[in-house]
Amino acid sequence: MAGSTTYALQIDDSSPTVSYLPYPDSLTIPPDLLGGWTPSFSNTSLTGLGVVGSGTSLHTTSRDGASLSLAWFGEGVQLAGNASNATYDIFLDGRLQTTVNASLESNILAEFSSLTNEDHTIQLLTHIGASSAELSFDGAVITVGTGLGNATVTFGRWSRARCCPSTYPPQPVIQRHSSSAGLP
């Protein structure tokens, strides 16, 4: 919506909202990048059974045909990560969008904006031919429109007293400001 306030939600690669195929964690020692997706961390090498990761996480694969997908409501999405000697297809709402040749210099795997503010899905499908190729996914940023102009988005906690029987994670609270309040 033109003039609508938007906000960005960051989705980490370890979020359960991201679906990985054939599997999200190899749980083998050493990690099996050819078998599927394997988590790795900035302060720990690729993890296996009994190894606890620390730092920023990534999911990495060297498997041809591995995929990840994310469903969301909003008007934009950005997938962050990098690819080395790997190509991949991007499907937006089930339609092939582009085939991308990427390298380690790239931090954005795909980006779409100005979509209709509604339910969407994005899927990344790997095409890996070289034994040294790999693709890493760091996370996504979702852009959501509020449908309101001149609004601010803050995050608060819902509690039993306000809503439901238990405490929930932070939820966006949208507040509309009138132009007489002196806000831009």
N, C-alpha and C. Protein backbone atom coordinates (compact mmCIF):
# COMPACT_ATOMS: atom_id res chain seq x y z
N MET A 1 0.85 -1.17 0.00
CA MET A 1 0.00 0.00 0.00
C MET A 1 0.89 1.23 0.00
N ALA A 2 0.64 2.17 -0.90
CA ALA A 2 1.45 3.37 -1.02
C ALA A 2 1.37 4.18 0.27
N GLY A 3 2.50 4.61 0.78
CA GLY A 3 2.55 5.40 1.99
C GLY A 3 2.39 4.60 3.26
N SER A 4 2.28 3.30 3.15
CA SER A 4 2.12 2.44 4.31
C SER A 4 3.44 2.27 5.03
N THR A 5 3.39 2.28 6.35
CA THR A 5 4.57 2.00 7.16
C THR A 5 4.89 0.51 7.06
N THR A 6 6.17 0.19 6.90
CA THR A 6 6.58 -1.21 6.84
C THR A 6 7.53 -1.50 8.00
N TYR A 7 7.67 -2.76 8.32
CA TYR A 7 8.68 -3.16 9.28
C TYR A 7 9.33 -4.44 8.79
N ALA A 8 10.54 -4.69 9.27
CA ALA A 8 11.32 -5.84 8.84
C ALA A 8 11.43 -6.84 9.98
N LEU A 9 11.22 -8.11 9.65
CA LEU A 9 11.38 -9.20 10.61
C LEU A 9 12.56 -10.05 10.17
N GLN A 10 13.50 -10.29 11.07
CA GLN A 10 14.65 -11.13 10.74
C GLN A 10 14.35 -12.57 11.13
N ILE A 11 14.58 -13.48 10.19
CA ILE A 11 14.38 -14.91 10.40
C ILE A 11 15.75 -15.57 10.33
N ASP A 12 16.20 -16.16 11.43
CA ASP A 12 17.51 -16.80 11.45
C ASP A 12 17.43 -18.15 10.72
N ASP A 13 18.56 -18.62 10.21
CA ASP A 13 18.60 -19.91 9.53
C ASP A 13 18.20 -21.06 10.44
N SER A 14 18.31 -20.88 11.75
CA SER A 14 17.95 -21.94 12.70
C SER A 14 16.47 -21.90 13.09
N SER A 15 15.72 -20.96 12.54
CA SER A 15 14.30 -20.84 12.87
C SER A 15 13.51 -22.04 12.35
N PRO A 16 12.54 -22.51 13.12
CA PRO A 16 11.70 -23.62 12.64
C PRO A 16 10.78 -23.20 11.50
N THR A 17 10.73 -21.92 11.17
CA THR A 17 9.92 -21.48 10.03
C THR A 17 10.61 -21.75 8.70
N VAL A 18 11.89 -22.10 8.74
CA VAL A 18 12.62 -22.46 7.52
C VAL A 18 12.60 -23.98 7.39
N SER A 19 12.17 -24.47 6.22
CA SER A 19 12.13 -25.92 5.96
C SER A 19 13.30 -26.29 5.08
N TYR A 20 14.05 -27.32 5.48
CA TYR A 20 15.20 -27.81 4.73
C TYR A 20 14.92 -29.22 4.24
N LEU A 21 15.30 -29.49 2.99
CA LEU A 21 15.23 -30.85 2.44
C LEU A 21 16.57 -31.18 1.83
N PRO A 22 17.14 -32.37 2.01
CA PRO A 22 16.47 -33.52 2.57
C PRO A 22 16.41 -33.51 4.10
N TYR A 23 17.25 -32.79 4.80
CA TYR A 23 17.15 -32.66 6.25
C TYR A 23 17.94 -31.43 6.70
N PRO A 24 17.59 -30.87 7.89
CA PRO A 24 18.22 -29.64 8.35
C PRO A 24 19.55 -29.82 9.08
N ASP A 25 19.80 -30.96 9.67
CA ASP A 25 21.01 -31.17 10.46
C ASP A 25 21.53 -32.59 10.22
N SER A 26 22.78 -32.69 9.75
CA SER A 26 23.31 -34.01 9.41
C SER A 26 23.56 -34.88 10.64
N LEU A 27 23.90 -34.28 11.76
CA LEU A 27 24.14 -35.00 13.01
C LEU A 27 25.13 -36.16 12.84
N THR A 28 26.12 -35.97 11.99
CA THR A 28 27.16 -36.97 11.80
C THR A 28 28.52 -36.36 12.09
N ILE A 29 29.49 -37.19 12.38
CA ILE A 29 30.86 -36.74 12.58
C ILE A 29 31.71 -37.50 11.59
N PRO A 30 32.38 -36.85 10.66
CA PRO A 30 32.30 -35.42 10.38
C PRO A 30 30.97 -35.07 9.73
N PRO A 31 30.62 -33.76 9.69
CA PRO A 31 29.36 -33.33 9.09
C PRO A 31 29.27 -33.77 7.63
N ASP A 32 28.07 -34.14 7.21
CA ASP A 32 27.82 -34.66 5.86
C ASP A 32 27.21 -33.58 4.97
N LEU A 33 28.05 -32.75 4.36
CA LEU A 33 27.56 -31.69 3.48
C LEU A 33 26.95 -32.25 2.20
N LEU A 34 27.36 -33.42 1.78
CA LEU A 34 26.80 -34.02 0.56
C LEU A 34 25.45 -34.68 0.82
N GLY A 35 25.14 -34.95 2.06
CA GLY A 35 23.89 -35.61 2.40
C GLY A 35 22.72 -34.66 2.55
N GLY A 36 22.97 -33.44 2.98
CA GLY A 36 21.90 -32.46 3.21
C GLY A 36 22.48 -31.20 3.81
N TRP A 37 21.70 -30.54 4.61
CA TRP A 37 22.10 -29.28 5.26
C TRP A 37 22.76 -29.58 6.60
N THR A 38 23.81 -28.81 6.91
CA THR A 38 24.53 -28.95 8.17
C THR A 38 24.69 -27.57 8.80
N PRO A 39 24.35 -27.42 10.08
CA PRO A 39 24.57 -26.13 10.74
C PRO A 39 26.05 -25.92 11.03
N SER A 40 26.47 -24.69 10.95
CA SER A 40 27.82 -24.31 11.36
C SER A 40 27.71 -22.99 12.10
N PHE A 41 28.75 -22.67 12.84
CA PHE A 41 28.71 -21.48 13.69
C PHE A 41 30.02 -20.73 13.59
N SER A 42 29.96 -19.40 13.77
CA SER A 42 31.14 -18.55 13.59
C SER A 42 32.23 -18.86 14.62
N ASN A 43 31.87 -19.31 15.83
CA ASN A 43 32.85 -19.58 16.86
C ASN A 43 33.14 -21.07 17.06
N THR A 44 32.55 -21.92 16.21
CA THR A 44 32.73 -23.36 16.30
C THR A 44 32.77 -23.91 14.89
N SER A 45 33.57 -24.93 14.65
CA SER A 45 33.57 -25.54 13.32
C SER A 45 32.23 -26.24 13.09
N LEU A 46 32.06 -26.84 11.93
CA LEU A 46 30.81 -27.56 11.65
C LEU A 46 30.51 -28.51 12.78
N THR A 47 29.25 -28.52 13.21
CA THR A 47 28.89 -29.28 14.40
C THR A 47 28.54 -30.72 14.07
N GLY A 48 28.63 -31.57 15.04
CA GLY A 48 28.22 -32.97 14.96
C GLY A 48 27.59 -33.34 16.28
N LEU A 49 27.34 -34.60 16.49
CA LEU A 49 26.73 -35.05 17.73
C LEU A 49 27.56 -34.63 18.93
N GLY A 50 26.93 -34.04 19.91
CA GLY A 50 27.60 -33.66 21.14
C GLY A 50 28.36 -32.35 21.08
N VAL A 51 28.43 -31.71 19.91
CA VAL A 51 29.14 -30.44 19.78
C VAL A 51 28.12 -29.32 19.82
N VAL A 52 28.31 -28.37 20.72
CA VAL A 52 27.39 -27.25 20.85
C VAL A 52 27.96 -26.07 20.07
N GLY A 53 27.17 -25.52 19.17
CA GLY A 53 27.60 -24.38 18.38
C GLY A 53 27.53 -23.09 19.16
N SER A 54 28.36 -22.13 18.78
CA SER A 54 28.31 -20.82 19.40
C SER A 54 28.65 -19.77 18.35
N GLY A 55 28.02 -18.61 18.49
CA GLY A 55 28.22 -17.53 17.53
C GLY A 55 27.10 -17.51 16.50
N THR A 56 27.35 -16.83 15.40
CA THR A 56 26.37 -16.71 14.32
C THR A 56 26.26 -18.04 13.57
N SER A 57 25.03 -18.46 13.30
CA SER A 57 24.84 -19.75 12.64
C SER A 57 24.61 -19.60 11.14
N LEU A 58 24.92 -20.67 10.43
CA LEU A 58 24.65 -20.83 8.99
C LEU A 58 24.18 -22.26 8.79
N HIS A 59 23.44 -22.51 7.73
CA HIS A 59 23.17 -23.88 7.27
C HIS A 59 23.85 -24.01 5.93
N THR A 60 24.67 -25.05 5.76
CA THR A 60 25.50 -25.22 4.58
C THR A 60 25.24 -26.59 3.96
N THR A 61 25.29 -26.64 2.61
CA THR A 61 25.15 -27.91 1.90
C THR A 61 26.06 -27.95 0.68
N SER A 62 26.43 -29.15 0.31
CA SER A 62 27.12 -29.41 -0.96
C SER A 62 26.32 -30.42 -1.78
N ARG A 63 25.07 -30.61 -1.44
CA ARG A 63 24.23 -31.60 -2.10
C ARG A 63 23.46 -30.98 -3.26
N ASP A 64 23.58 -31.58 -4.42
CA ASP A 64 22.79 -31.18 -5.56
C ASP A 64 21.33 -31.53 -5.29
N GLY A 65 20.44 -30.58 -5.50
CA GLY A 65 19.02 -30.81 -5.27
C GLY A 65 18.54 -30.53 -3.86
N ALA A 66 19.43 -30.10 -2.96
CA ALA A 66 18.98 -29.71 -1.62
C ALA A 66 18.14 -28.44 -1.76
N SER A 67 17.19 -28.25 -0.86
CA SER A 67 16.36 -27.06 -0.96
C SER A 67 16.03 -26.52 0.43
N LEU A 68 15.63 -25.26 0.44
CA LEU A 68 15.09 -24.64 1.64
C LEU A 68 13.89 -23.83 1.21
N SER A 69 12.94 -23.68 2.11
CA SER A 69 11.76 -22.88 1.79
C SER A 69 11.28 -22.15 3.03
N LEU A 70 10.56 -21.07 2.77
CA LEU A 70 10.04 -20.21 3.83
C LEU A 70 8.69 -19.66 3.37
N ALA A 71 7.69 -19.76 4.23
CA ALA A 71 6.38 -19.17 3.96
C ALA A 71 6.23 -17.97 4.89
N TRP A 72 5.67 -16.88 4.37
CA TRP A 72 5.51 -15.67 5.17
C TRP A 72 4.37 -14.83 4.64
N PHE A 73 3.95 -13.86 5.44
CA PHE A 73 2.99 -12.84 5.03
C PHE A 73 3.76 -11.54 4.95
N GLY A 74 3.68 -10.87 3.82
CA GLY A 74 4.37 -9.59 3.70
C GLY A 74 4.49 -9.14 2.27
N GLU A 75 5.33 -8.13 2.08
CA GLU A 75 5.49 -7.55 0.74
C GLU A 75 6.93 -7.59 0.23
N GLY A 76 7.82 -8.25 0.97
CA GLY A 76 9.18 -8.39 0.50
C GLY A 76 9.94 -9.44 1.27
N VAL A 77 11.02 -9.94 0.65
CA VAL A 77 11.86 -10.94 1.30
C VAL A 77 13.27 -10.81 0.75
N GLN A 78 14.23 -11.07 1.61
CA GLN A 78 15.64 -11.10 1.23
C GLN A 78 16.25 -12.35 1.87
N LEU A 79 16.90 -13.18 1.04
CA LEU A 79 17.61 -14.35 1.56
C LEU A 79 19.08 -14.03 1.62
N ALA A 80 19.69 -14.20 2.78
CA ALA A 80 21.11 -13.89 2.97
C ALA A 80 21.92 -15.18 3.02
N GLY A 81 23.12 -15.13 2.50
CA GLY A 81 24.02 -16.27 2.51
C GLY A 81 25.05 -16.11 1.42
N ASN A 82 25.67 -17.20 1.01
CA ASN A 82 26.63 -17.13 -0.09
C ASN A 82 26.74 -18.49 -0.76
N ALA A 83 27.28 -18.45 -1.95
CA ALA A 83 27.46 -19.67 -2.73
C ALA A 83 28.86 -19.65 -3.33
N SER A 84 29.48 -20.80 -3.36
CA SER A 84 30.80 -20.95 -3.94
C SER A 84 30.75 -22.07 -4.97
N ASN A 85 30.94 -21.72 -6.25
CA ASN A 85 30.89 -22.69 -7.35
C ASN A 85 29.56 -23.42 -7.42
N ALA A 86 28.49 -22.79 -6.97
CA ALA A 86 27.16 -23.40 -6.96
C ALA A 86 26.17 -22.48 -7.65
N THR A 87 25.17 -23.06 -8.29
CA THR A 87 24.05 -22.29 -8.81
C THR A 87 22.80 -22.77 -8.11
N TYR A 88 21.73 -21.99 -8.24
CA TYR A 88 20.48 -22.36 -7.59
C TYR A 88 19.33 -21.67 -8.29
N ASP A 89 18.16 -22.27 -8.16
CA ASP A 89 16.93 -21.67 -8.68
C ASP A 89 16.17 -21.08 -7.51
N ILE A 90 15.45 -20.01 -7.79
CA ILE A 90 14.57 -19.39 -6.80
C ILE A 90 13.14 -19.48 -7.32
N PHE A 91 12.26 -20.01 -6.49
CA PHE A 91 10.84 -20.08 -6.81
C PHE A 91 10.10 -19.16 -5.84
N LEU A 92 9.33 -18.24 -6.38
CA LEU A 92 8.50 -17.34 -5.57
C LEU A 92 7.05 -17.69 -5.85
N ASP A 93 6.34 -18.06 -4.82
CA ASP A 93 4.94 -18.50 -4.95
C ASP A 93 4.78 -19.58 -6.01
N GLY A 94 5.75 -20.51 -6.03
CA GLY A 94 5.69 -21.66 -6.92
C GLY A 94 6.17 -21.42 -8.34
N ARG A 95 6.59 -20.20 -8.66
CA ARG A 95 7.05 -19.88 -10.02
C ARG A 95 8.55 -19.61 -10.03
N LEU A 96 9.24 -20.24 -11.00
CA LEU A 96 10.67 -20.03 -11.15
C LEU A 96 10.93 -18.56 -11.45
N GLN A 97 11.82 -17.93 -10.68
CA GLN A 97 12.11 -16.51 -10.85
C GLN A 97 13.42 -16.27 -11.59
N THR A 98 14.47 -16.95 -11.18
CA THR A 98 15.77 -16.71 -11.79
C THR A 98 16.73 -17.82 -11.41
N THR A 99 17.72 -18.06 -12.25
CA THR A 99 18.83 -18.93 -11.90
C THR A 99 20.01 -18.02 -11.66
N VAL A 100 20.68 -18.18 -10.53
CA VAL A 100 21.73 -17.25 -10.13
C VAL A 100 23.05 -17.99 -10.01
N ASN A 101 24.08 -17.45 -10.62
CA ASN A 101 25.44 -17.92 -10.38
C ASN A 101 26.02 -16.99 -9.32
N ALA A 102 26.45 -17.54 -8.21
CA ALA A 102 26.91 -16.70 -7.11
C ALA A 102 28.32 -17.11 -6.70
N SER A 103 28.95 -16.24 -5.92
CA SER A 103 30.28 -16.52 -5.39
C SER A 103 30.34 -16.08 -3.94
N LEU A 104 31.43 -16.35 -3.27
CA LEU A 104 31.56 -15.98 -1.86
C LEU A 104 31.50 -14.48 -1.63
N GLU A 105 31.70 -13.68 -2.67
CA GLU A 105 31.62 -12.22 -2.51
C GLU A 105 30.19 -11.75 -2.30
N SER A 106 29.22 -12.57 -2.62
CA SER A 106 27.81 -12.19 -2.53
C SER A 106 27.25 -12.54 -1.15
N ASN A 107 26.50 -11.61 -0.58
CA ASN A 107 25.83 -11.88 0.69
C ASN A 107 24.33 -12.02 0.54
N ILE A 108 23.80 -11.71 -0.64
CA ILE A 108 22.37 -11.80 -0.88
C ILE A 108 22.12 -12.89 -1.91
N LEU A 109 21.38 -13.91 -1.51
CA LEU A 109 21.05 -15.01 -2.42
C LEU A 109 19.85 -14.65 -3.31
N ALA A 110 18.91 -13.89 -2.78
CA ALA A 110 17.73 -13.46 -3.53
C ALA A 110 17.06 -12.32 -2.79
N GLU A 111 16.38 -11.46 -3.54
CA GLU A 111 15.67 -10.34 -2.93
C GLU A 111 14.48 -9.96 -3.80
N PHE A 112 13.32 -9.80 -3.17
CA PHE A 112 12.10 -9.38 -3.85
C PHE A 112 11.43 -8.32 -3.01
N SER A 113 10.94 -7.26 -3.65
CA SER A 113 10.24 -6.20 -2.94
C SER A 113 9.02 -5.80 -3.77
N SER A 114 8.21 -4.94 -3.21
CA SER A 114 7.00 -4.43 -3.88
C SER A 114 6.03 -5.55 -4.25
N LEU A 115 6.01 -6.61 -3.45
CA LEU A 115 5.02 -7.67 -3.66
C LEU A 115 3.71 -7.25 -3.01
N THR A 116 2.63 -7.91 -3.36
CA THR A 116 1.36 -7.68 -2.68
C THR A 116 1.51 -8.15 -1.24
N ASN A 117 1.01 -7.37 -0.29
CA ASN A 117 1.12 -7.68 1.13
C ASN A 117 0.15 -8.83 1.46
N GLU A 118 0.63 -10.07 1.22
CA GLU A 118 -0.19 -11.27 1.41
C GLU A 118 0.71 -12.46 1.68
N ASP A 119 0.14 -13.66 1.75
CA ASP A 119 0.91 -14.88 1.97
C ASP A 119 1.78 -15.18 0.75
N HIS A 120 3.04 -15.56 1.02
CA HIS A 120 3.99 -15.92 -0.04
C HIS A 120 4.82 -17.11 0.42
N THR A 121 5.46 -17.76 -0.53
CA THR A 121 6.48 -18.76 -0.24
C THR A 121 7.67 -18.51 -1.16
N ILE A 122 8.85 -18.78 -0.63
CA ILE A 122 10.05 -18.72 -1.43
C ILE A 122 10.80 -20.03 -1.22
N GLN A 123 11.35 -20.54 -2.32
CA GLN A 123 12.12 -21.78 -2.25
C GLN A 123 13.42 -21.59 -3.01
N LEU A 124 14.50 -22.10 -2.43
CA LEU A 124 15.82 -22.11 -3.07
C LEU A 124 16.16 -23.57 -3.33
N LEU A 125 16.50 -23.91 -4.58
CA LEU A 125 16.85 -25.27 -4.98
C LEU A 125 18.26 -25.26 -5.54
N THR A 126 19.17 -26.04 -4.93
CA THR A 126 20.58 -26.02 -5.33
C THR A 126 20.85 -26.87 -6.56
N HIS A 127 21.86 -26.41 -7.35
CA HIS A 127 22.40 -27.17 -8.48
C HIS A 127 23.91 -27.17 -8.28
N ILE A 128 24.43 -28.24 -7.71
CA ILE A 128 25.83 -28.30 -7.33
C ILE A 128 26.50 -29.42 -8.12
N GLY A 129 27.50 -29.06 -8.93
CA GLY A 129 28.17 -30.06 -9.75
C GLY A 129 29.59 -30.35 -9.33
N ALA A 130 30.27 -29.36 -8.79
CA ALA A 130 31.67 -29.53 -8.42
C ALA A 130 31.79 -30.04 -6.99
N SER A 131 32.79 -30.86 -6.73
CA SER A 131 32.97 -31.41 -5.38
C SER A 131 33.34 -30.33 -4.36
N SER A 132 33.90 -29.22 -4.82
CA SER A 132 34.28 -28.14 -3.90
C SER A 132 33.17 -27.11 -3.72
N ALA A 133 32.02 -27.30 -4.35
CA ALA A 133 30.94 -26.32 -4.30
C ALA A 133 30.14 -26.45 -3.01
N GLU A 134 29.67 -25.31 -2.53
CA GLU A 134 28.76 -25.32 -1.39
C GLU A 134 27.93 -24.06 -1.38
N LEU A 135 26.79 -24.15 -0.70
CA LEU A 135 25.90 -23.01 -0.54
C LEU A 135 25.57 -22.90 0.94
N SER A 136 25.64 -21.67 1.46
CA SER A 136 25.33 -21.41 2.87
C SER A 136 24.18 -20.43 2.96
N PHE A 137 23.24 -20.70 3.86
CA PHE A 137 22.09 -19.84 4.12
C PHE A 137 22.22 -19.26 5.52
N ASP A 138 22.14 -17.92 5.61
CA ASP A 138 22.31 -17.23 6.89
C ASP A 138 20.98 -16.81 7.50
N GLY A 139 19.97 -16.57 6.69
CA GLY A 139 18.67 -16.15 7.21
C GLY A 139 17.92 -15.32 6.19
N ALA A 140 16.78 -14.81 6.62
CA ALA A 140 15.92 -14.02 5.74
C ALA A 140 15.47 -12.77 6.47
N VAL A 141 15.15 -11.75 5.70
CA VAL A 141 14.51 -10.55 6.22
C VAL A 141 13.19 -10.41 5.48
N ILE A 142 12.11 -10.37 6.24
CA ILE A 142 10.76 -10.26 5.70
C ILE A 142 10.29 -8.83 5.89
N THR A 143 9.74 -8.22 4.85
CA THR A 143 9.17 -6.88 4.95
C THR A 143 7.66 -7.00 4.98
N VAL A 144 7.04 -6.40 6.00
CA VAL A 144 5.60 -6.47 6.18
C VAL A 144 5.03 -5.06 6.20
N GLY A 145 3.97 -4.84 5.45
CA GLY A 145 3.28 -3.54 5.47
C GLY A 145 2.23 -3.53 6.56
N THR A 146 2.08 -2.39 7.22
CA THR A 146 1.07 -2.26 8.28
C THR A 146 -0.30 -1.89 7.73
N GLY A 147 -0.32 -1.34 6.51
CA GLY A 147 -1.58 -0.84 5.97
C GLY A 147 -1.91 0.54 6.50
N LEU A 148 -1.03 1.10 7.32
CA LEU A 148 -1.25 2.42 7.92
C LEU A 148 -0.12 3.36 7.55
N GLY A 149 -0.44 4.58 7.23
CA GLY A 149 0.59 5.59 7.05
C GLY A 149 0.91 6.21 8.39
N ASN A 150 2.09 6.79 8.52
CA ASN A 150 2.48 7.53 9.72
C ASN A 150 2.30 6.68 10.99
N ALA A 151 2.79 5.46 10.96
CA ALA A 151 2.69 4.55 12.11
C ALA A 151 4.08 4.17 12.59
N THR A 152 4.17 3.74 13.83
CA THR A 152 5.42 3.18 14.33
C THR A 152 5.16 1.76 14.78
N VAL A 153 6.18 0.95 14.70
CA VAL A 153 6.08 -0.45 15.12
C VAL A 153 7.03 -0.65 16.28
N THR A 154 6.51 -1.11 17.40
CA THR A 154 7.33 -1.43 18.56
C THR A 154 7.04 -2.87 18.93
N PHE A 155 7.89 -3.45 19.74
CA PHE A 155 7.69 -4.83 20.16
C PHE A 155 7.45 -4.86 21.65
N GLY A 156 6.47 -5.65 22.07
CA GLY A 156 6.13 -5.80 23.47
C GLY A 156 5.84 -7.24 23.78
N ARG A 157 5.54 -7.55 25.02
CA ARG A 157 5.21 -8.92 25.42
C ARG A 157 3.72 -9.01 25.71
N TRP A 158 3.13 -10.08 25.22
CA TRP A 158 1.76 -10.39 25.57
C TRP A 158 1.81 -11.26 26.82
N SER A 159 0.90 -11.03 27.73
CA SER A 159 0.88 -11.85 28.93
C SER A 159 -0.53 -12.38 29.16
N ARG A 160 -0.68 -13.22 30.17
CA ARG A 160 -1.97 -13.80 30.51
C ARG A 160 -3.01 -12.70 30.76
N ALA A 161 -2.60 -11.63 31.38
CA ALA A 161 -3.54 -10.56 31.70
C ALA A 161 -4.07 -9.87 30.43
N ARG A 162 -3.27 -9.83 29.37
CA ARG A 162 -3.69 -9.14 28.16
C ARG A 162 -4.37 -10.05 27.15
N CYS A 163 -4.01 -11.33 27.14
CA CYS A 163 -4.48 -12.14 26.03
C CYS A 163 -4.79 -13.56 26.40
N CYS A 164 -3.79 -14.29 26.60
CA CYS A 164 -3.92 -15.74 26.55
C CYS A 164 -3.34 -16.39 27.79
N PRO A 165 -3.43 -17.74 27.89
CA PRO A 165 -3.01 -18.42 29.10
C PRO A 165 -1.51 -18.45 29.37
N SER A 166 -0.66 -18.03 28.47
CA SER A 166 0.77 -18.06 28.74
C SER A 166 1.46 -16.88 28.07
N THR A 167 2.71 -16.69 28.40
CA THR A 167 3.48 -15.59 27.83
C THR A 167 3.99 -15.99 26.46
N TYR A 168 3.91 -15.08 25.51
CA TYR A 168 4.34 -15.32 24.15
C TYR A 168 5.57 -14.48 23.83
N PRO A 169 6.33 -14.82 22.79
CA PRO A 169 7.48 -14.00 22.41
C PRO A 169 7.02 -12.61 21.96
N PRO A 170 7.96 -11.68 21.82
CA PRO A 170 7.58 -10.32 21.43
C PRO A 170 6.74 -10.31 20.15
N GLN A 171 5.70 -9.51 20.16
CA GLN A 171 4.82 -9.36 19.00
C GLN A 171 4.81 -7.89 18.60
N PRO A 172 4.67 -7.61 17.30
CA PRO A 172 4.64 -6.21 16.89
C PRO A 172 3.37 -5.53 17.39
N VAL A 173 3.51 -4.32 17.85
CA VAL A 173 2.39 -3.49 18.24
C VAL A 173 2.42 -2.27 17.34
N ILE A 174 1.36 -2.07 16.56
CA ILE A 174 1.33 -0.98 15.59
C ILE A 174 0.52 0.16 16.17
N GLN A 175 1.10 1.35 16.17
CA GLN A 175 0.43 2.52 16.68
C GLN A 175 0.37 3.56 15.58
N ARG A 176 -0.82 4.10 15.34
CA ARG A 176 -0.98 5.16 14.33
C ARG A 176 -0.87 6.49 15.02
N HIS A 177 -0.12 7.41 14.40
CA HIS A 177 0.05 8.74 14.96
C HIS A 177 -0.65 9.75 14.06
N SER A 178 -1.34 10.68 14.67
CA SER A 178 -1.95 11.74 13.86
C SER A 178 -0.88 12.77 13.55
N SER A 179 -1.04 13.45 12.42
CA SER A 179 -0.02 14.44 12.03
C SER A 179 -0.03 15.63 12.97
N SER A 180 -1.10 15.80 13.76
CA SER A 180 -1.12 16.91 14.71
C SER A 180 -0.23 16.64 15.91
N ALA A 181 0.25 15.41 16.07
CA ALA A 181 1.11 15.06 17.19
C ALA A 181 2.54 15.57 16.98
N GLY A 182 2.82 16.18 15.85
CA GLY A 182 4.15 16.72 15.60
C GLY A 182 5.15 15.69 15.07
N LEU A 183 4.66 14.51 14.72
CA LEU A 183 5.55 13.51 14.16
C LEU A 183 5.55 13.62 12.64
N PRO A 184 6.66 13.29 11.98
CA PRO A 184 6.69 13.39 10.52
C PRO A 184 5.76 12.40 9.86
